[in-house]
N, C-alpha and C. Protein backbone atom coordinates (compact mmCIF):
# COMPACT_ATOMS: atom_id res chain seq x y z
N UNK A 1 69.93 15.81 61.28
CA UNK A 1 68.97 14.75 61.16
C UNK A 1 67.79 15.28 60.34
N UNK A 2 67.23 14.41 59.50
CA UNK A 2 66.16 14.80 58.59
C UNK A 2 64.93 13.94 58.87
N UNK A 3 63.77 14.58 58.86
CA UNK A 3 62.50 13.88 59.06
C UNK A 3 62.22 12.98 57.86
N UNK A 4 61.91 11.69 58.08
CA UNK A 4 61.64 10.80 56.95
C UNK A 4 60.30 11.07 56.28
N UNK A 5 59.41 11.81 56.94
CA UNK A 5 58.08 12.06 56.37
C UNK A 5 58.06 13.33 55.51
N UNK A 6 58.54 14.46 56.08
CA UNK A 6 58.46 15.74 55.35
C UNK A 6 59.83 16.25 54.90
N UNK A 7 60.90 15.54 55.25
CA UNK A 7 62.27 15.88 54.87
C UNK A 7 62.72 17.24 55.39
N UNK A 8 62.22 17.61 56.56
CA UNK A 8 62.62 18.85 57.21
C UNK A 8 63.83 18.58 58.10
N UNK A 9 64.63 19.58 58.33
CA UNK A 9 65.78 19.47 59.21
C UNK A 9 65.49 19.95 60.61
N UNK A 10 64.27 20.40 60.89
CA UNK A 10 63.87 20.93 62.18
C UNK A 10 63.40 19.78 63.07
N UNK A 11 64.36 19.02 63.66
CA UNK A 11 64.06 17.81 64.42
C UNK A 11 64.70 17.91 65.80
N UNK A 12 63.96 17.57 66.84
CA UNK A 12 64.48 17.50 68.21
C UNK A 12 64.53 16.04 68.65
N UNK A 13 65.53 15.70 69.47
CA UNK A 13 65.62 14.36 70.03
C UNK A 13 65.43 14.44 71.54
N UNK A 14 64.75 13.42 72.08
CA UNK A 14 64.51 13.33 73.52
C UNK A 14 64.67 11.89 73.96
N UNK A 15 64.93 11.71 75.27
CA UNK A 15 64.99 10.38 75.86
C UNK A 15 63.69 10.16 76.63
N UNK A 16 63.00 9.07 76.32
CA UNK A 16 61.71 8.76 76.93
C UNK A 16 61.85 7.49 77.76
N UNK A 17 61.30 7.49 78.97
CA UNK A 17 61.32 6.29 79.81
C UNK A 17 60.06 5.49 79.57
N UNK A 18 60.22 4.21 79.26
CA UNK A 18 59.11 3.30 79.04
C UNK A 18 59.03 2.38 80.26
N UNK A 19 57.97 2.50 81.07
CA UNK A 19 57.83 1.74 82.30
C UNK A 19 56.75 0.68 82.11
N UNK A 20 57.10 -0.58 82.41
CA UNK A 20 56.16 -1.69 82.32
C UNK A 20 56.22 -2.49 83.61
N UNK A 21 55.10 -3.09 83.97
CA UNK A 21 55.05 -3.95 85.14
C UNK A 21 54.93 -5.40 84.68
N UNK A 22 55.74 -6.26 85.28
CA UNK A 22 55.71 -7.68 84.94
C UNK A 22 55.26 -8.47 86.17
N UNK A 23 54.49 -9.52 85.93
CA UNK A 23 54.11 -10.41 87.01
C UNK A 23 55.29 -11.25 87.45
N UNK A 24 55.23 -11.73 88.70
CA UNK A 24 56.30 -12.55 89.23
C UNK A 24 56.40 -13.87 88.48
N UNK A 25 55.26 -14.43 88.09
CA UNK A 25 55.22 -15.72 87.41
C UNK A 25 54.82 -15.53 85.96
N UNK A 26 55.29 -16.43 85.11
CA UNK A 26 54.96 -16.36 83.69
C UNK A 26 53.68 -17.09 83.35
N UNK A 27 53.38 -17.15 82.06
CA UNK A 27 52.15 -17.77 81.58
C UNK A 27 52.14 -19.28 81.85
N UNK A 28 53.28 -19.93 81.73
CA UNK A 28 53.35 -21.38 81.97
C UNK A 28 52.95 -21.73 83.40
N UNK A 29 53.39 -20.92 84.35
CA UNK A 29 53.02 -21.15 85.75
C UNK A 29 51.50 -21.07 85.92
N UNK A 30 50.87 -20.07 85.34
CA UNK A 30 49.43 -19.90 85.51
C UNK A 30 48.63 -20.97 84.78
N UNK A 31 49.14 -21.48 83.65
CA UNK A 31 48.42 -22.53 82.92
C UNK A 31 48.46 -23.85 83.68
N UNK A 32 49.63 -24.22 84.23
CA UNK A 32 49.78 -25.53 84.83
C UNK A 32 49.59 -25.56 86.34
N UNK A 33 49.95 -24.51 87.06
CA UNK A 33 49.93 -24.55 88.52
C UNK A 33 49.06 -23.45 89.13
N UNK A 34 49.22 -22.24 88.69
CA UNK A 34 48.65 -21.07 89.35
C UNK A 34 47.15 -21.08 89.54
N UNK A 35 46.39 -21.49 88.53
CA UNK A 35 44.93 -21.40 88.62
C UNK A 35 44.39 -22.30 89.70
N UNK A 36 44.89 -23.54 89.83
CA UNK A 36 44.37 -24.42 90.87
C UNK A 36 45.00 -24.13 92.22
N UNK A 37 46.24 -23.64 92.25
CA UNK A 37 46.88 -23.32 93.53
C UNK A 37 46.16 -22.14 94.20
N UNK A 38 45.83 -21.11 93.43
CA UNK A 38 45.10 -19.97 93.99
C UNK A 38 43.72 -20.40 94.49
N UNK A 39 43.05 -21.29 93.76
CA UNK A 39 41.73 -21.78 94.17
C UNK A 39 41.82 -22.57 95.47
N UNK A 40 42.81 -23.45 95.60
CA UNK A 40 42.97 -24.23 96.82
C UNK A 40 43.28 -23.33 98.01
N UNK A 41 44.16 -22.35 97.83
CA UNK A 41 44.48 -21.41 98.92
C UNK A 41 43.23 -20.65 99.35
N UNK A 42 42.40 -20.25 98.39
CA UNK A 42 41.19 -19.51 98.74
C UNK A 42 40.21 -20.38 99.51
N UNK A 43 40.02 -21.63 99.08
CA UNK A 43 39.08 -22.52 99.76
C UNK A 43 39.57 -22.87 101.16
N UNK A 44 40.86 -23.15 101.33
CA UNK A 44 41.40 -23.57 102.62
C UNK A 44 41.50 -22.40 103.59
N UNK A 45 42.03 -21.28 103.13
CA UNK A 45 42.28 -20.16 104.05
C UNK A 45 41.17 -19.11 104.05
N UNK A 46 40.34 -19.08 103.03
CA UNK A 46 39.16 -18.21 102.98
C UNK A 46 39.42 -16.75 103.24
N UNK A 47 38.81 -16.23 104.30
CA UNK A 47 38.86 -14.80 104.62
C UNK A 47 40.27 -14.33 104.95
N UNK A 48 41.05 -15.20 105.57
CA UNK A 48 42.43 -14.83 105.90
C UNK A 48 43.21 -14.55 104.62
N UNK A 49 43.00 -15.38 103.61
CA UNK A 49 43.66 -15.19 102.32
C UNK A 49 43.24 -13.87 101.67
N UNK A 50 41.96 -13.53 101.73
CA UNK A 50 41.48 -12.26 101.17
C UNK A 50 42.12 -11.06 101.86
N UNK A 51 42.19 -11.11 103.17
CA UNK A 51 42.77 -10.01 103.93
C UNK A 51 44.26 -9.86 103.59
N UNK A 52 44.97 -10.98 103.51
CA UNK A 52 46.40 -10.93 103.17
C UNK A 52 46.59 -10.35 101.77
N UNK A 53 45.77 -10.77 100.80
CA UNK A 53 45.89 -10.26 99.43
C UNK A 53 45.61 -8.76 99.37
N UNK A 54 44.64 -8.28 100.15
CA UNK A 54 44.33 -6.85 100.15
C UNK A 54 45.44 -6.03 100.78
N UNK A 55 46.05 -6.55 101.84
CA UNK A 55 47.09 -5.81 102.54
C UNK A 55 48.41 -5.87 101.78
N UNK A 56 48.83 -7.05 101.37
CA UNK A 56 50.13 -7.24 100.74
C UNK A 56 50.09 -6.85 99.27
N UNK A 57 49.04 -7.24 98.57
CA UNK A 57 48.93 -6.95 97.15
C UNK A 57 49.69 -7.95 96.31
N UNK A 58 49.75 -7.70 95.02
CA UNK A 58 50.45 -8.59 94.10
C UNK A 58 51.92 -8.20 94.03
N UNK A 59 52.74 -9.22 93.83
CA UNK A 59 54.17 -8.98 93.69
C UNK A 59 54.46 -8.80 92.21
N UNK A 60 54.84 -7.60 91.83
CA UNK A 60 55.13 -7.31 90.44
C UNK A 60 56.50 -6.65 90.33
N UNK A 61 57.12 -6.87 89.22
CA UNK A 61 58.43 -6.30 88.95
C UNK A 61 58.26 -5.14 87.98
N UNK A 62 58.91 -4.03 88.27
CA UNK A 62 58.84 -2.85 87.40
C UNK A 62 60.09 -2.83 86.52
N UNK A 63 59.87 -2.77 85.21
CA UNK A 63 60.96 -2.74 84.24
C UNK A 63 60.93 -1.38 83.53
N UNK A 64 62.07 -0.68 83.55
CA UNK A 64 62.17 0.63 82.92
C UNK A 64 63.18 0.57 81.77
N UNK A 65 62.73 0.98 80.59
CA UNK A 65 63.60 1.07 79.42
C UNK A 65 63.66 2.53 78.98
N UNK A 66 64.85 2.98 78.59
CA UNK A 66 64.99 4.33 78.08
C UNK A 66 65.13 4.27 76.56
N UNK A 67 64.28 5.02 75.87
CA UNK A 67 64.23 5.01 74.42
C UNK A 67 64.52 6.43 73.92
N UNK A 68 65.36 6.54 72.91
CA UNK A 68 65.64 7.83 72.29
C UNK A 68 64.67 8.03 71.13
N UNK A 69 63.91 9.12 71.19
CA UNK A 69 62.92 9.42 70.16
C UNK A 69 63.28 10.74 69.48
N UNK A 70 62.97 10.83 68.20
CA UNK A 70 63.14 12.07 67.45
C UNK A 70 61.75 12.57 67.07
N UNK A 71 61.55 13.89 67.16
CA UNK A 71 60.25 14.50 66.85
C UNK A 71 60.48 15.65 65.87
N UNK A 72 59.77 15.59 64.75
CA UNK A 72 59.85 16.67 63.77
C UNK A 72 59.01 17.84 64.26
N UNK A 73 59.58 19.03 64.24
CA UNK A 73 58.88 20.21 64.72
C UNK A 73 57.94 20.80 63.67
N UNK A 74 58.06 20.39 62.43
CA UNK A 74 57.18 20.90 61.37
C UNK A 74 55.91 20.07 61.24
N UNK A 75 56.05 18.74 61.14
CA UNK A 75 54.86 17.90 60.88
C UNK A 75 54.42 17.11 62.10
N UNK A 76 55.25 17.00 63.16
CA UNK A 76 54.87 16.30 64.37
C UNK A 76 55.15 14.81 64.34
N UNK A 77 55.74 14.30 63.28
CA UNK A 77 56.05 12.88 63.17
C UNK A 77 57.15 12.50 64.16
N UNK A 78 57.01 11.34 64.84
CA UNK A 78 58.02 10.90 65.78
C UNK A 78 58.46 9.48 65.45
N UNK A 79 59.74 9.17 65.74
CA UNK A 79 60.28 7.84 65.45
C UNK A 79 61.41 7.55 66.42
N UNK A 80 61.68 6.22 66.56
CA UNK A 80 62.77 5.78 67.43
C UNK A 80 64.10 5.94 66.71
N UNK A 81 65.12 6.26 67.48
CA UNK A 81 66.47 6.36 66.92
C UNK A 81 67.26 5.14 67.36
């Protein structure tokens, strides 16, 4: 394998894990329903709602992708394979 920047053959490849967190609901939910639903729950349940949110937290999904990267040992340039 050859570096596209310096054309050196001294290149190492590694597998990198890319971890991202996604919300349970998408943008459409928050635009049309979520903003007023959260407000109504807060007004009706008040302190109970705050305590539940602090204890339970937000429901998020963790997405892990594995990416193969190449790194030139001469110039330090890295790219996806």
